[in-house]
C-alpha atoms as a PDB file:
ATOM      1  CA  MET A   1      84.300  -1.898  77.320  1.00  0.00           C
ATOM      2  CA  LYS A   2      82.119  -0.366  79.997  1.00  0.00           C
ATOM      3  CA  ILE A   3      78.748   1.337  79.479  1.00  0.00           C
ATOM      4  CA  ILE A   4      77.711   3.879  82.098  1.00  0.00           C
ATOM      5  CA  GLU A   5      74.036   4.785  82.010  1.00  0.00           C
ATOM      6  CA  THR A   6      72.834   7.841  83.863  1.00  0.00           C
ATOM      7  CA  ASP A   7      69.473   8.853  85.254  1.00  0.00           C
ATOM      8  CA  TYR A   8      69.447  11.667  82.710  1.00  0.00           C
ATOM      9  CA  PHE A   9      69.672   9.176  79.836  1.00  0.00           C
ATOM     10  CA  ASN A  10      67.225   6.723  81.419  1.00  0.00           C
ATOM     11  CA  GLU A  11      64.624   9.487  81.818  1.00  0.00           C
ATOM     12  CA  GLN A  12      64.814  10.089  78.073  1.00  0.00           C
ATOM     13  CA  VAL A  13      64.293   6.377  77.457  1.00  0.00           C
ATOM     14  CA  LEU A  14      61.232   6.341  79.746  1.00  0.00           C
ATOM     15  CA  THR A  15      59.759   9.319  77.903  1.00  0.00           C
ATOM     16  CA  LEU A  16      60.232   7.561  74.557  1.00  0.00           C
ATOM     17  CA  LYS A  17      58.882   4.295  75.978  1.00  0.00           C
ATOM     18  CA  LYS A  18      55.417   5.853  76.231  1.00  0.00           C
ATOM     19  CA  ARG A  19      55.352   5.971  72.448  1.00  0.00           C
ATOM     20  CA  PHE A  20      57.750   3.155  71.536  1.00  0.00           C
ATOM     21  CA  LYS A  21      57.027   0.129  73.718  1.00  0.00           C
ATOM     22  CA  LEU A  22      59.994  -1.954  72.525  1.00  0.00           C
ATOM     23  CA  ILE A  23      62.691   0.662  73.069  1.00  0.00           C
ATOM     24  CA  GLU A  24      64.293  -1.210  75.974  1.00  0.00           C
ATOM     25  CA  LYS A  25      64.709  -4.295  73.780  1.00  0.00           C
ATOM     26  CA  ASP A  26      66.232  -2.145  71.035  1.00  0.00           C
ATOM     27  CA  ILE A  27      68.701  -0.597  73.486  1.00  0.00           C
ATOM     28  CA  TYR A  28      69.605  -4.028  74.863  1.00  0.00           C
ATOM     29  CA  GLN A  29      70.423  -5.240  71.355  1.00  0.00           C
ATOM     30  CA  PHE A  30      72.384  -2.066  70.722  1.00  0.00           C
ATOM     31  CA  LYS A  31      74.510  -2.631  73.834  1.00  0.00           C
ATOM     32  CA  ASN A  32      75.285  -6.183  72.778  1.00  0.00           C
ATOM     33  CA  ASN A  33      76.376  -5.058  69.306  1.00  0.00           C
ATOM     34  CA  LEU A  34      77.933  -1.732  70.258  1.00  0.00           C
ATOM     35  CA  VAL A  35      81.337  -2.381  68.763  1.00  0.00           C
ATOM     36  CA  LYS A  36      79.820  -3.603  65.474  1.00  0.00           C
ATOM     37  CA  GLU A  37      77.247  -0.801  65.102  1.00  0.00           C
ATOM     38  CA  PRO A  38      77.838   1.900  62.486  1.00  0.00           C
ATOM     39  CA  PHE A  39      78.541   5.297  63.978  1.00  0.00           C
ATOM     40  CA  SER A  40      79.591   8.742  62.943  1.00  0.00           C
ATOM     41  CA  ASN A  41      81.970  10.993  64.775  1.00  0.00           C
ATOM     42  CA  LEU A  42      80.424  14.360  65.592  1.00  0.00           C
ATOM     43  CA  TRP A  43      83.474  15.859  67.265  1.00  0.00           C
ATOM     44  CA  LEU A  44      86.204  14.873  69.700  1.00  0.00           C
ATOM     45  CA  TRP A  45      84.835  11.918  71.721  1.00  0.00           C
ATOM     46  CA  ILE A  46      81.189  12.406  70.804  1.00  0.00           C
ATOM     47  CA  TYR A  47      79.618   9.899  68.424  1.00  0.00           C
ATOM     48  CA  LYS A  48      76.183   9.317  66.947  1.00  0.00           C
ATOM     49  CA  TYR A  49      74.839   5.793  66.641  1.00  0.00           C
ATOM     50  CA  ARG A  50      71.783   4.712  64.717  1.00  0.00           C
ATOM     51  CA  ILE A  51      69.729   1.888  66.222  1.00  0.00           C
ATOM     52  CA  TRP A  52      66.725  -0.020  65.000  1.00  0.00           C
ATOM     53  CA  ASN A  53      63.270   1.035  66.216  1.00  0.00           C
ATOM     54  CA  SER A  54      61.308  -2.205  66.319  1.00  0.00           C
ATOM     55  CA  SER A  55      58.174  -0.500  67.672  1.00  0.00           C
ATOM     56  CA  ILE A  56      57.372   0.918  64.236  1.00  0.00           C
ATOM     57  CA  PRO A  57      56.099  -1.247  61.359  1.00  0.00           C
ATOM     58  CA  VAL A  58      58.704  -2.063  58.734  1.00  0.00           C
ATOM     59  CA  TRP A  59      57.122   0.064  55.991  1.00  0.00           C
ATOM     60  CA  LYS A  60      57.300   3.140  58.274  1.00  0.00           C
ATOM     61  CA  ARG A  61      60.725   2.343  59.661  1.00  0.00           C
ATOM     62  CA  SER A  62      62.380   5.007  61.719  1.00  0.00           C
ATOM     63  CA  TRP A  63      65.583   4.785  63.685  1.00  0.00           C
ATOM     64  CA  PHE A  64      66.656   5.955  67.091  1.00  0.00           C
ATOM     65  CA  ARG A  65      69.763   8.069  67.375  1.00  0.00           C
ATOM     66  CA  ILE A  66      71.999   7.826  70.416  1.00  0.00           C
ATOM     67  CA  ILE A  67      74.580  10.490  71.066  1.00  0.00           C
ATOM     68  CA  ILE A  68      77.332   8.890  73.104  1.00  0.00           C
ATOM     69  CA  PHE A  69      80.595   9.964  74.711  1.00  0.00           C
ATOM     70  CA  ILE A  70      83.423   7.438  74.249  1.00  0.00           C
ATOM     71  CA  GLN A  71      86.833   7.577  75.855  1.00  0.00           C
ATOM     72  CA  ASP A  72      89.198   4.823  76.987  1.00  0.00           C
ATOM     73  CA  CYS A  73      86.623   2.074  76.299  1.00  0.00           C
ATOM     74  CA  ILE A  74      84.053   3.831  78.496  1.00  0.00           C
ATOM     75  CA  TYR A  75      80.755   4.539  76.770  1.00  0.00           C
ATOM     76  CA  ILE A  76      78.395   7.123  78.282  1.00  0.00           C
ATOM     77  CA  PRO A  77      75.093   7.714  76.441  1.00  0.00           C
ATOM     78  CA  LEU A  78      74.133  11.389  76.496  1.00  0.00           C
ATOM     79  CA  LEU A  79      70.991  11.661  74.373  1.00  0.00           C
ATOM     80  CA  ILE A  80      68.505   9.431  72.627  1.00  0.00           C
ATOM     81  CA  TYR A  81      65.836  10.553  70.192  1.00  0.00           C
ATOM     82  CA  SER A  82      63.625   9.118  67.508  1.00  0.00           C
ATOM     83  CA  LYS A  83      64.300  10.353  64.000  1.00  0.00           C
ATOM     84  CA  ASN A  84      60.584  10.541  63.203  1.00  0.00           C
ATOM     85  CA  ILE A  85      59.979  12.886  66.169  1.00  0.00           C
ATOM     86  CA  LYS A  86      63.100  15.010  65.940  1.00  0.00           C
ATOM     87  CA  SER A  87      65.167  15.321  62.800  1.00  0.00           C
ATOM     88  CA  ASN A  88      68.441  16.249  64.484  1.00  0.00           C
ATOM     89  CA  VAL A  89      70.065  17.730  67.592  1.00  0.00           C
ATOM     90  CA  ASP A  90      72.374  20.702  67.539  1.00  0.00           C
ATOM     91  CA  LYS A  91      75.716  21.073  69.288  1.00  0.00           C
ATOM     92  CA  GLU A  92      74.195  23.201  72.053  1.00  0.00           C
ATOM     93  CA  GLU A  93      71.818  20.380  73.038  1.00  0.00           C
ATOM     94  CA  ILE A  94      74.711  17.927  73.072  1.00  0.00           C
ATOM     95  CA  LYS A  95      76.853  20.266  75.176  1.00  0.00           C
ATOM     96  CA  GLU A  96      73.973  20.758  77.620  1.00  0.00           C
ATOM     97  CA  ALA A  97      73.476  16.994  77.901  1.00  0.00           C
ATOM     98  CA  PHE A  98      77.210  16.485  78.415  1.00  0.00           C
ATOM     99  CA  VAL A  99      77.235  19.013  81.275  1.00  0.00           C
ATOM    100  CA  LYS A 100      74.179  17.410  82.939  1.00  0.00           C
ATOM    101  CA  VAL A 101      75.617  13.902  82.658  1.00  0.00           C
ATOM    102  CA  ASN A 102      79.010  15.058  83.918  1.00  0.00           C
ATOM    103  CA  LEU A 103      77.386  16.743  86.948  1.00  0.00           C
ATOM    104  CA  GLU A 104      75.390  13.598  87.687  1.00  0.00           C
ATOM    105  CA  LEU A 105      78.452  11.361  87.476  1.00  0.00           C
ATOM    106  CA  ASN A 106      80.502  13.702  89.684  1.00  0.00           C
ATOM    107  CA  LYS A 107      77.681  13.843  92.246  1.00  0.00           C
ATOM    108  CA  ASN A 108      77.461  10.041  92.313  1.00  0.00           C
ATOM    109  CA  ASN A 109      81.233   9.679  92.764  1.00  0.00           C
ATOM    110  CA  ASN A 110      81.300  11.942  95.828  1.00  0.00           C
END
C-alpha cells in the first residue's frame, strides 16, 4: 500500500488546520489504520472515508470526510472536508479535484 499526498490535498489540510488544530494527528492515525477504516464506494475507484475529528469536544463530535482515489494499492487523497462545515461534496467537485491532482502528479513526474 502506498499513499501519495499532493500539494492540492495538503493545502486543504492547512486551511482546515486553522480551525481544527489536531487535524494532522487525525490524518496520521487515519493513514495507520487505512485498511481497517470503514469506507463507502462513490463510484469506480473513488471512495469516501470518515475519520475522527479530535479537535472538537466529544459532545459536539463531527467527522472529517476524505475522498480518495484507490487503484492497485495506491491511495491518492483528493479532498478533505469537515462534516460540520460542509454537509457533502457533489460529483463535479470530486471530478475537479481529480483533474487537479492528476495534473499535479503528471507535472511532478515530468
